[in-house]
PDB file of N, CA and C in Angstrom:
ATOM      1  N   MET A   1    -135.155  19.082  57.815  1.00  0.00           N
ATOM      2  CA  MET A   1    -136.059  18.711  56.756  1.00  0.00           C
ATOM      3  C   MET A   1    -135.260  18.305  55.510  1.00  0.00           C
ATOM      4  N   ASP A   2    -134.173  19.016  55.280  1.00  0.00           N
ATOM      5  CA  ASP A   2    -133.348  18.661  54.120  1.00  0.00           C
ATOM      6  C   ASP A   2    -132.788  17.250  54.253  1.00  0.00           C
ATOM      7  N   ASP A   3    -132.380  16.882  55.471  1.00  0.00           N
ATOM      8  CA  ASP A   3    -131.839  15.551  55.704  1.00  0.00           C
ATOM      9  C   ASP A   3    -132.911  14.487  55.451  1.00  0.00           C
ATOM     10  N   LEU A   4    -134.137  14.744  55.900  1.00  0.00           N
ATOM     11  CA  LEU A   4    -135.212  13.787  55.670  1.00  0.00           C
ATOM     12  C   LEU A   4    -135.509  13.631  54.180  1.00  0.00           C
ATOM     13  N   ARG A   5    -135.521  14.734  53.463  1.00  0.00           N
ATOM     14  CA  ARG A   5    -135.755  14.668  52.015  1.00  0.00           C
ATOM     15  C   ARG A   5    -134.641  13.881  51.329  1.00  0.00           C
ATOM     16  N   ARG A   6    -133.414  14.087  51.776  1.00  0.00           N
ATOM     17  CA  ARG A   6    -132.266  13.378  51.214  1.00  0.00           C
ATOM     18  C   ARG A   6    -132.391  11.883  51.487  1.00  0.00           C
ATOM     19  N   ARG A   7    -132.796  11.503  52.689  1.00  0.00           N
ATOM     20  CA  ARG A   7    -132.976  10.090  53.020  1.00  0.00           C
ATOM     21  C   ARG A   7    -134.010   9.442  52.111  1.00  0.00           C
ATOM     22  N   VAL A   8    -135.160  10.087  51.987  1.00  0.00           N
ATOM     23  CA  VAL A   8    -136.226   9.546  51.150  1.00  0.00           C
ATOM     24  C   VAL A   8    -135.730   9.394  49.718  1.00  0.00           C
ATOM     25  N   GLN A   9    -135.046  10.410  49.223  1.00  0.00           N
ATOM     26  CA  GLN A   9    -134.556  10.384  47.844  1.00  0.00           C
ATOM     27  C   GLN A   9    -133.577   9.230  47.631  1.00  0.00           C
ATOM     28  N   HIS A  10    -132.600   9.071  48.515  1.00  0.00           N
ATOM     29  CA  HIS A  10    -131.588   8.021  48.342  1.00  0.00           C
ATOM     30  C   HIS A  10    -132.167   6.621  48.512  1.00  0.00           C
ATOM     31  N   PHE A  11    -133.043   6.427  49.506  1.00  0.00           N
ATOM     32  CA  PHE A  11    -133.651   5.115  49.688  1.00  0.00           C
ATOM     33  C   PHE A  11    -134.570   4.770  48.524  1.00  0.00           C
ATOM     34  N   THR A  12    -135.355   5.734  48.060  1.00  0.00           N
ATOM     35  CA  THR A  12    -136.278   5.497  46.952  1.00  0.00           C
ATOM     36  C   THR A  12    -135.526   5.184  45.670  1.00  0.00           C
ATOM     37  N   ALA A  13    -134.436   5.920  45.417  1.00  0.00           N
ATOM     38  CA  ALA A  13    -133.641   5.716  44.204  1.00  0.00           C
ATOM     39  C   ALA A  13    -132.789   4.448  44.275  1.00  0.00           C
ATOM     40  N   GLY A  14    -132.599   3.923  45.478  1.00  0.00           N
ATOM     41  CA  GLY A  14    -131.773   2.728  45.625  1.00  0.00           C
ATOM     42  C   GLY A  14    -130.297   3.010  45.795  1.00  0.00           C
ATOM     43  N   THR A  15    -129.911   4.283  45.906  1.00  0.00           N
ATOM     44  CA  THR A  15    -128.492   4.595  46.114  1.00  0.00           C
ATOM     45  C   THR A  15    -128.057   4.255  47.534  1.00  0.00           C
ATOM     46  N   TRP A  16    -129.003   4.205  48.453  1.00  0.00           N
ATOM     47  CA  TRP A  16    -128.744   3.718  49.815  1.00  0.00           C
ATOM     48  C   TRP A  16    -129.533   2.433  49.994  1.00  0.00           C
ATOM     49  N   GLN A  17    -128.906   1.445  50.595  1.00  0.00           N
ATOM     50  CA  GLN A  17    -129.586   0.172  50.828  1.00  0.00           C
ATOM     51  C   GLN A  17    -130.352   0.255  52.140  1.00  0.00           C
ATOM     52  N   GLU A  18    -131.590  -0.175  52.105  1.00  0.00           N
ATOM     53  CA  GLU A  18    -132.392  -0.168  53.333  1.00  0.00           C
ATOM     54  C   GLU A  18    -132.715  -1.601  53.732  1.00  0.00           C
ATOM     55  N   GLN A  19    -132.714  -1.839  55.031  1.00  0.00           N
ATOM     56  CA  GLN A  19    -133.061  -3.151  55.561  1.00  0.00           C
ATOM     57  C   GLN A  19    -134.575  -3.288  55.694  1.00  0.00           C
ATOM     58  N   THR A  20    -135.224  -2.157  55.913  1.00  0.00           N
ATOM     59  CA  THR A  20    -136.674  -2.100  56.030  1.00  0.00           C
ATOM     60  C   THR A  20    -137.106  -0.738  55.510  1.00  0.00           C
ATOM     61  N   SER A  21    -138.322  -0.644  55.025  1.00  0.00           N
ATOM     62  CA  SER A  21    -138.802   0.637  54.494  1.00  0.00           C
ATOM     63  C   SER A  21    -139.252   1.587  55.596  1.00  0.00           C
ATOM     64  N   ALA A  22    -139.126   1.195  56.861  1.00  0.00           N
ATOM     65  CA  ALA A  22    -139.648   2.000  57.969  1.00  0.00           C
ATOM     66  C   ALA A  22    -139.050   3.403  58.003  1.00  0.00           C
ATOM     67  N   VAL A  23    -137.749   3.542  57.805  1.00  0.00           N
ATOM     68  CA  VAL A  23    -137.107   4.866  57.868  1.00  0.00           C
ATOM     69  C   VAL A  23    -137.644   5.754  56.758  1.00  0.00           C
ATOM     70  N   ARG A  24    -137.680   5.210  55.544  1.00  0.00           N
ATOM     71  CA  ARG A  24    -138.177   5.986  54.403  1.00  0.00           C
ATOM     72  C   ARG A  24    -139.651   6.330  54.569  1.00  0.00           C
ATOM     73  N   ASP A  25    -140.445   5.370  55.008  1.00  0.00           N
ATOM     74  CA  ASP A  25    -141.875   5.614  55.187  1.00  0.00           C
ATOM     75  C   ASP A  25    -142.138   6.672  56.252  1.00  0.00           C
ATOM     76  N   GLU A  26    -141.445   6.557  57.386  1.00  0.00           N
ATOM     77  CA  GLU A  26    -141.644   7.521  58.465  1.00  0.00           C
ATOM     78  C   GLU A  26    -141.201   8.914  58.042  1.00  0.00           C
ATOM     79  N   ALA A  27    -140.054   9.012  57.374  1.00  0.00           N
ATOM     80  CA  ALA A  27    -139.575  10.311  56.904  1.00  0.00           C
ATOM     81  C   ALA A  27    -140.570  10.915  55.915  1.00  0.00           C
ATOM     82  N   GLY A  28    -141.095  10.090  55.022  1.00  0.00           N
ATOM     83  CA  GLY A  28    -142.073  10.578  54.052  1.00  0.00           C
ATOM     84  C   GLY A  28    -143.343  11.096  54.704  1.00  0.00           C
ATOM     85  N   ARG A  29    -143.818  10.369  55.721  1.00  0.00           N
ATOM     86  CA  ARG A  29    -145.027  10.820  56.430  1.00  0.00           C
ATOM     87  C   ARG A  29    -144.781  12.137  57.157  1.00  0.00           C
ATOM     88  N   LEU A  30    -143.624  12.256  57.798  1.00  0.00           N
ATOM     89  CA  LEU A  30    -143.329  13.504  58.501  1.00  0.00           C
ATOM     90  C   LEU A  30    -143.203  14.665  57.513  1.00  0.00           C
ATOM     91  N   LEU A  31    -142.530  14.443  56.395  1.00  0.00           N
ATOM     92  CA  LEU A  31    -142.415  15.505  55.390  1.00  0.00           C
ATOM     93  C   LEU A  31    -143.786  15.917  54.859  1.00  0.00           C
ATOM     94  N   ALA A  32    -144.657  14.958  54.617  1.00  0.00           N
ATOM     95  CA  ALA A  32    -146.014  15.287  54.132  1.00  0.00           C
ATOM     96  C   ALA A  32    -146.770  16.088  55.178  1.00  0.00           C
ATOM     97  N   HIS A  33    -146.650  15.696  56.447  1.00  0.00           N
ATOM     98  CA  HIS A  33    -147.325  16.414  57.527  1.00  0.00           C
ATOM     99  C   HIS A  33    -146.839  17.853  57.610  1.00  0.00           C
ATOM    100  N   VAL A  34    -145.527  18.023  57.597  1.00  0.00           N
ATOM    101  CA  VAL A  34    -144.944  19.369  57.701  1.00  0.00           C
ATOM    102  C   VAL A  34    -145.361  20.224  56.500  1.00  0.00           C
ATOM    103  N   ASP A  35    -145.377  19.628  55.307  1.00  0.00           N
ATOM    104  CA  ASP A  35    -145.812  20.375  54.120  1.00  0.00           C
ATOM    105  C   ASP A  35    -147.270  20.825  54.252  1.00  0.00           C
ATOM    106  N   GLN A  36    -148.107  19.978  54.854  1.00  0.00           N
ATOM    107  CA  GLN A  36    -149.524  20.310  55.019  1.00  0.00           C
ATOM    108  C   GLN A  36    -149.770  21.361  56.093  1.00  0.00           C
ATOM    109  N   HIS A  37    -148.784  21.598  56.960  1.00  0.00           N
ATOM    110  CA  HIS A  37    -148.966  22.526  58.075  1.00  0.00           C
ATOM    111  C   HIS A  37    -147.980  23.690  58.032  1.00  0.00           C
ATOM    112  N   GLY A  38    -147.730  24.173  56.831  1.00  0.00           N
ATOM    113  CA  GLY A  38    -146.938  25.382  56.667  1.00  0.00           C
ATOM    114  C   GLY A  38    -145.498  25.279  57.156  1.00  0.00           C
ATOM    115  N   GLY A  39    -144.894  24.107  57.032  1.00  0.00           N
ATOM    116  CA  GLY A  39    -143.492  23.950  57.410  1.00  0.00           C
ATOM    117  C   GLY A  39    -143.277  23.663  58.881  1.00  0.00           C
ATOM    118  N   ALA A  40    -144.336  23.299  59.607  1.00  0.00           N
ATOM    119  CA  ALA A  40    -144.211  23.046  61.045  1.00  0.00           C
ATOM    120  C   ALA A  40    -144.924  21.745  61.409  1.00  0.00           C
ATOM    121  N   VAL A  41    -144.605  21.247  62.579  1.00  0.00           N
ATOM    122  CA  VAL A  41    -145.305  20.095  63.118  1.00  0.00           C
ATOM    123  C   VAL A  41    -146.514  20.607  63.885  1.00  0.00           C
ATOM    124  N   ASN A  42    -147.671  20.062  63.598  1.00  0.00           N
ATOM    125  CA  ASN A  42    -148.903  20.434  64.291  1.00  0.00           C
ATOM    126  C   ASN A  42    -148.923  19.700  65.630  1.00  0.00           C
ATOM    127  N   VAL A  43    -148.456  20.357  66.688  1.00  0.00           N
ATOM    128  CA  VAL A  43    -148.331  19.697  67.988  1.00  0.00           C
ATOM    129  C   VAL A  43    -149.678  19.389  68.631  1.00  0.00           C
ATOM    130  N   SER A  44    -150.769  19.913  68.091  1.00  0.00           N
ATOM    131  CA  SER A  44    -152.086  19.585  68.634  1.00  0.00           C
ATOM    132  C   SER A  44    -152.683  18.340  67.988  1.00  0.00           C
ATOM    133  N   ASP A  45    -152.014  17.771  66.997  1.00  0.00           N
ATOM    134  CA  ASP A  45    -152.499  16.565  66.332  1.00  0.00           C
ATOM    135  C   ASP A  45    -152.392  15.393  67.305  1.00  0.00           C
ATOM    136  N   PRO A  46    -153.516  14.747  67.642  1.00  0.00           N
ATOM    137  CA  PRO A  46    -153.483  13.674  68.645  1.00  0.00           C
ATOM    138  C   PRO A  46    -152.662  12.460  68.217  1.00  0.00           C
ATOM    139  N   ARG A  47    -152.380  12.298  66.928  1.00  0.00           N
ATOM    140  CA  ARG A  47    -151.567  11.163  66.498  1.00  0.00           C
ATOM    141  C   ARG A  47    -150.156  11.219  67.062  1.00  0.00           C
ATOM    142  N   PHE A  48    -149.685  12.411  67.421  1.00  0.00           N
ATOM    143  CA  PHE A  48    -148.338  12.536  67.971  1.00  0.00           C
ATOM    144  C   PHE A  48    -148.295  12.266  69.469  1.00  0.00           C
ATOM    145  N   ALA A  49    -149.437  12.322  70.109  1.00  0.00           N
ATOM    146  CA  ALA A  49    -149.549  12.032  71.546  1.00  0.00           C
ATOM    147  C   ALA A  49    -148.590  12.875  72.392  1.00  0.00           C
ATOM    148  N   PHE A  50    -148.394  14.135  72.013  1.00  0.00           N
ATOM    149  CA  PHE A  50    -147.573  15.029  72.831  1.00  0.00           C
ATOM    150  C   PHE A  50    -148.250  15.233  74.178  1.00  0.00           C
ATOM    151  N   ARG A  51    -147.482  15.285  75.214  1.00  0.00           N
ATOM    152  CA  ARG A  51    -148.005  15.540  76.558  1.00  0.00           C
ATOM    153  C   ARG A  51    -146.885  16.105  77.412  1.00  0.00           C
ATOM    154  N   ARG A  52    -147.271  16.662  78.533  1.00  0.00           N
ATOM    155  CA  ARG A  52    -146.267  17.208  79.446  1.00  0.00           C
ATOM    156  C   ARG A  52    -145.459  16.050  80.037  1.00  0.00           C
ATOM    157  N   VAL A  53    -144.175  16.296  80.235  1.00  0.00           N
ATOM    158  CA  VAL A  53    -143.295  15.282  80.828  1.00  0.00           C
ATOM    159  C   VAL A  53    -142.517  15.896  81.973  1.00  0.00           C
ATOM    160  N   ARG A  54    -141.969  15.006  82.790  1.00  0.00           N
ATOM    161  CA  ARG A  54    -141.104  15.442  83.887  1.00  0.00           C
ATOM    162  C   ARG A  54    -139.733  14.824  83.674  1.00  0.00           C
ATOM    163  N   LEU A  55    -138.721  15.464  84.201  1.00  0.00           N
ATOM    164  CA  LEU A  55    -137.373  14.928  84.079  1.00  0.00           C
ATOM    165  C   LEU A  55    -137.072  13.884  85.146  1.00  0.00           C
ATOM    166  N   ASP A  56    -137.882  13.820  86.194  1.00  0.00           N
ATOM    167  CA  ASP A  56    -137.571  12.920  87.313  1.00  0.00           C
ATOM    168  C   ASP A  56    -138.401  11.631  87.321  1.00  0.00           C
ATOM    169  N   GLY A  57    -139.075  11.317  86.236  1.00  0.00           N
ATOM    170  CA  GLY A  57    -139.825  10.066  86.200  1.00  0.00           C
ATOM    171  C   GLY A  57    -140.571   9.868  84.900  1.00  0.00           C
ATOM    172  N   MET A  58    -140.911   8.601  84.641  1.00  0.00           N
ATOM    173  CA  MET A  58    -141.658   8.270  83.432  1.00  0.00           C
ATOM    174  C   MET A  58    -143.153   8.239  83.748  1.00  0.00           C
ATOM    175  N   PRO A  59    -143.994   8.480  82.743  1.00  0.00           N
ATOM    176  CA  PRO A  59    -145.436   8.353  82.958  1.00  0.00           C
ATOM    177  C   PRO A  59    -145.784   6.929  83.398  1.00  0.00           C
ATOM    178  N   PHE A  60    -146.839   6.776  84.164  1.00  0.00           N
ATOM    179  CA  PHE A  60    -147.267   5.484  84.680  1.00  0.00           C
ATOM    180  C   PHE A  60    -147.437   4.458  83.561  1.00  0.00           C
ATOM    181  N   SER A  61    -147.991   4.880  82.445  1.00  0.00           N
ATOM    182  CA  SER A  61    -148.315   3.966  81.350  1.00  0.00           C
ATOM    183  C   SER A  61    -147.166   3.752  80.362  1.00  0.00           C
ATOM    184  N   TRP A  62    -145.965   4.252  80.684  1.00  0.00           N
ATOM    185  CA  TRP A  62    -144.887   4.217  79.699  1.00  0.00           C
ATOM    186  C   TRP A  62    -144.512   2.803  79.256  1.00  0.00           C
ATOM    187  N   HIS A  63    -144.478   1.845  80.153  1.00  0.00           N
ATOM    188  CA  HIS A  63    -144.043   0.501  79.765  1.00  0.00           C
ATOM    189  C   HIS A  63    -144.976  -0.114  78.717  1.00  0.00           C
ATOM    190  N   SER A  64    -146.276   0.008  78.900  1.00  0.00           N
ATOM    191  CA  SER A  64    -147.202  -0.543  77.900  1.00  0.00           C
ATOM    192  C   SER A  64    -147.164   0.285  76.616  1.00  0.00           C
ATOM    193  N   GLU A  65    -146.973   1.594  76.745  1.00  0.00           N
ATOM    194  CA  GLU A  65    -146.881   2.446  75.558  1.00  0.00           C
ATOM    195  C   GLU A  65    -145.627   2.103  74.755  1.00  0.00           C
ATOM    196  N   ALA A  66    -144.517   1.917  75.436  1.00  0.00           N
ATOM    197  CA  ALA A  66    -143.264   1.561  74.761  1.00  0.00           C
ATOM    198  C   ALA A  66    -143.394   0.209  74.064  1.00  0.00           C
ATOM    199  N   ARG A  67    -144.032  -0.757  74.708  1.00  0.00           N
ATOM    200  CA  ARG A  67    -144.240  -2.070  74.095  1.00  0.00           C
ATOM    201  C   ARG A  67    -145.071  -1.928  72.822  1.00  0.00           C
ATOM    202  N   SER A  68    -146.105  -1.107  72.878  1.00  0.00           N
ATOM    203  CA  SER A  68    -146.965  -0.896  71.719  1.00  0.00           C
ATOM    204  C   SER A  68    -146.194  -0.244  70.572  1.00  0.00           C
ATOM    205  N   ILE A  69    -145.376   0.731  70.886  1.00  0.00           N
ATOM    206  CA  ILE A  69    -144.559   1.397  69.859  1.00  0.00           C
ATOM    207  C   ILE A  69    -143.615   0.386  69.216  1.00  0.00           C
ATOM    208  N   TYR A  70    -142.967  -0.405  70.047  1.00  0.00           N
ATOM    209  CA  TYR A  70    -142.006  -1.388  69.546  1.00  0.00           C
ATOM    210  C   TYR A  70    -142.680  -2.416  68.639  1.00  0.00           C
ATOM    211  N   THR A  71    -143.793  -2.956  69.069  1.00  0.00           N
ATOM    212  CA  THR A  71    -144.445  -3.991  68.267  1.00  0.00           C
ATOM    213  C   THR A  71    -145.110  -3.420  67.023  1.00  0.00           C
ATOM    214  N   THR A  72    -145.521  -2.156  67.059  1.00  0.00           N
ATOM    215  CA  THR A  72    -146.098  -1.527  65.876  1.00  0.00           C
ATOM    216  C   THR A  72    -145.036  -1.297  64.811  1.00  0.00           C
ATOM    217  N   TRP A  73    -143.874  -0.817  65.212  1.00  0.00           N
ATOM    218  CA  TRP A  73    -142.822  -0.480  64.253  1.00  0.00           C
ATOM    219  C   TRP A  73    -141.916  -1.647  63.924  1.00  0.00           C
ATOM    220  N   ARG A  74    -141.915  -2.684  64.744  1.00  0.00           N
ATOM    221  CA  ARG A  74    -141.070  -3.850  64.474  1.00  0.00           C
ATOM    222  C   ARG A  74    -141.854  -5.133  64.707  1.00  0.00           C
ATOM    223  N   PRO A  75    -142.955  -5.325  64.005  1.00  0.00           N
ATOM    224  CA  PRO A  75    -143.797  -6.492  64.273  1.00  0.00           C
ATOM    225  C   PRO A  75    -143.111  -7.815  63.979  1.00  0.00           C
ATOM    226  N   TYR A  76    -142.088  -7.820  63.136  1.00  0.00           N
ATOM    227  CA  TYR A  76    -141.400  -9.052  62.781  1.00  0.00           C
ATOM    228  C   TYR A  76    -140.256  -9.387  63.727  1.00  0.00           C
ATOM    229  N   ALA A  77    -139.969  -8.516  64.690  1.00  0.00           N
ATOM    230  CA  ALA A  77    -138.818  -8.722  65.573  1.00  0.00           C
ATOM    231  C   ALA A  77    -138.951  -9.997  66.397  1.00  0.00           C
ATOM    232  N   HIS A  78    -140.159 -10.369  66.765  1.00  0.00           N
ATOM    233  CA  HIS A  78    -140.346 -11.542  67.610  1.00  0.00           C
ATOM    234  C   HIS A  78    -140.172 -12.844  66.841  1.00  0.00           C
ATOM    235  N   THR A  79    -140.409 -12.847  65.535  1.00  0.00           N
ATOM    236  CA  THR A  79    -140.300 -14.060  64.745  1.00  0.00           C
ATOM    237  C   THR A  79    -139.008 -14.094  63.944  1.00  0.00           C
ATOM    238  N   GLY A  80    -138.338 -12.946  63.848  1.00  0.00           N
ATOM    239  CA  GLY A  80    -137.119 -12.879  63.046  1.00  0.00           C
ATOM    240  C   GLY A  80    -137.391 -12.798  61.560  1.00  0.00           C
ATOM    241  N   GLN A  81    -138.633 -12.558  61.171  1.00  0.00           N
ATOM    242  CA  GLN A  81    -138.977 -12.493  59.762  1.00  0.00           C
ATOM    243  C   GLN A  81    -139.460 -11.098  59.411  1.00  0.00           C
ATOM    244  N   ASP A  82    -139.006 -10.625  58.284  1.00  0.00           N
ATOM    245  CA  ASP A  82    -139.447  -9.345  57.749  1.00  0.00           C
ATOM    246  C   ASP A  82    -140.759  -9.593  57.004  1.00  0.00           C
ATOM    247  N   PRO A  83    -141.848  -8.877  57.339  1.00  0.00           N
ATOM    248  CA  PRO A  83    -143.144  -9.117  56.709  1.00  0.00           C
ATOM    249  C   PRO A  83    -143.163  -8.810  55.213  1.00  0.00           C
ATOM    250  N   ARG A  84    -142.162  -8.103  54.689  1.00  0.00           N
ATOM    251  CA  ARG A  84    -142.133  -7.786  53.255  1.00  0.00           C
ATOM    252  C   ARG A  84    -141.682  -8.988  52.442  1.00  0.00           C
ATOM    253  N   GLN A  85    -141.153 -10.016  53.076  1.00  0.00           N
ATOM    254  CA  GLN A  85    -140.632 -11.169  52.343  1.00  0.00           C
ATOM    255  C   GLN A  85    -141.699 -12.197  52.114  1.00  0.00           C
TER     256      GLN A  85
END
């Protein structure tokens, strides 16, 4: 948690250069969540999509789920343009 707070602080202050605000935004959201839940991650929150996993295979839907994660967090990757510009 200290590392996440440090990241947010340095990126926000501009002492660290960021290519995209995704790292700072994600760290900030996680810190807010943990603060709201007594210093822990609420593993029952459906937004995290926690589920049982196996070591010997991926879930059937993993390929479409991975594509969705990638395009949600990097929507500009296909065009080479950062949407903040």
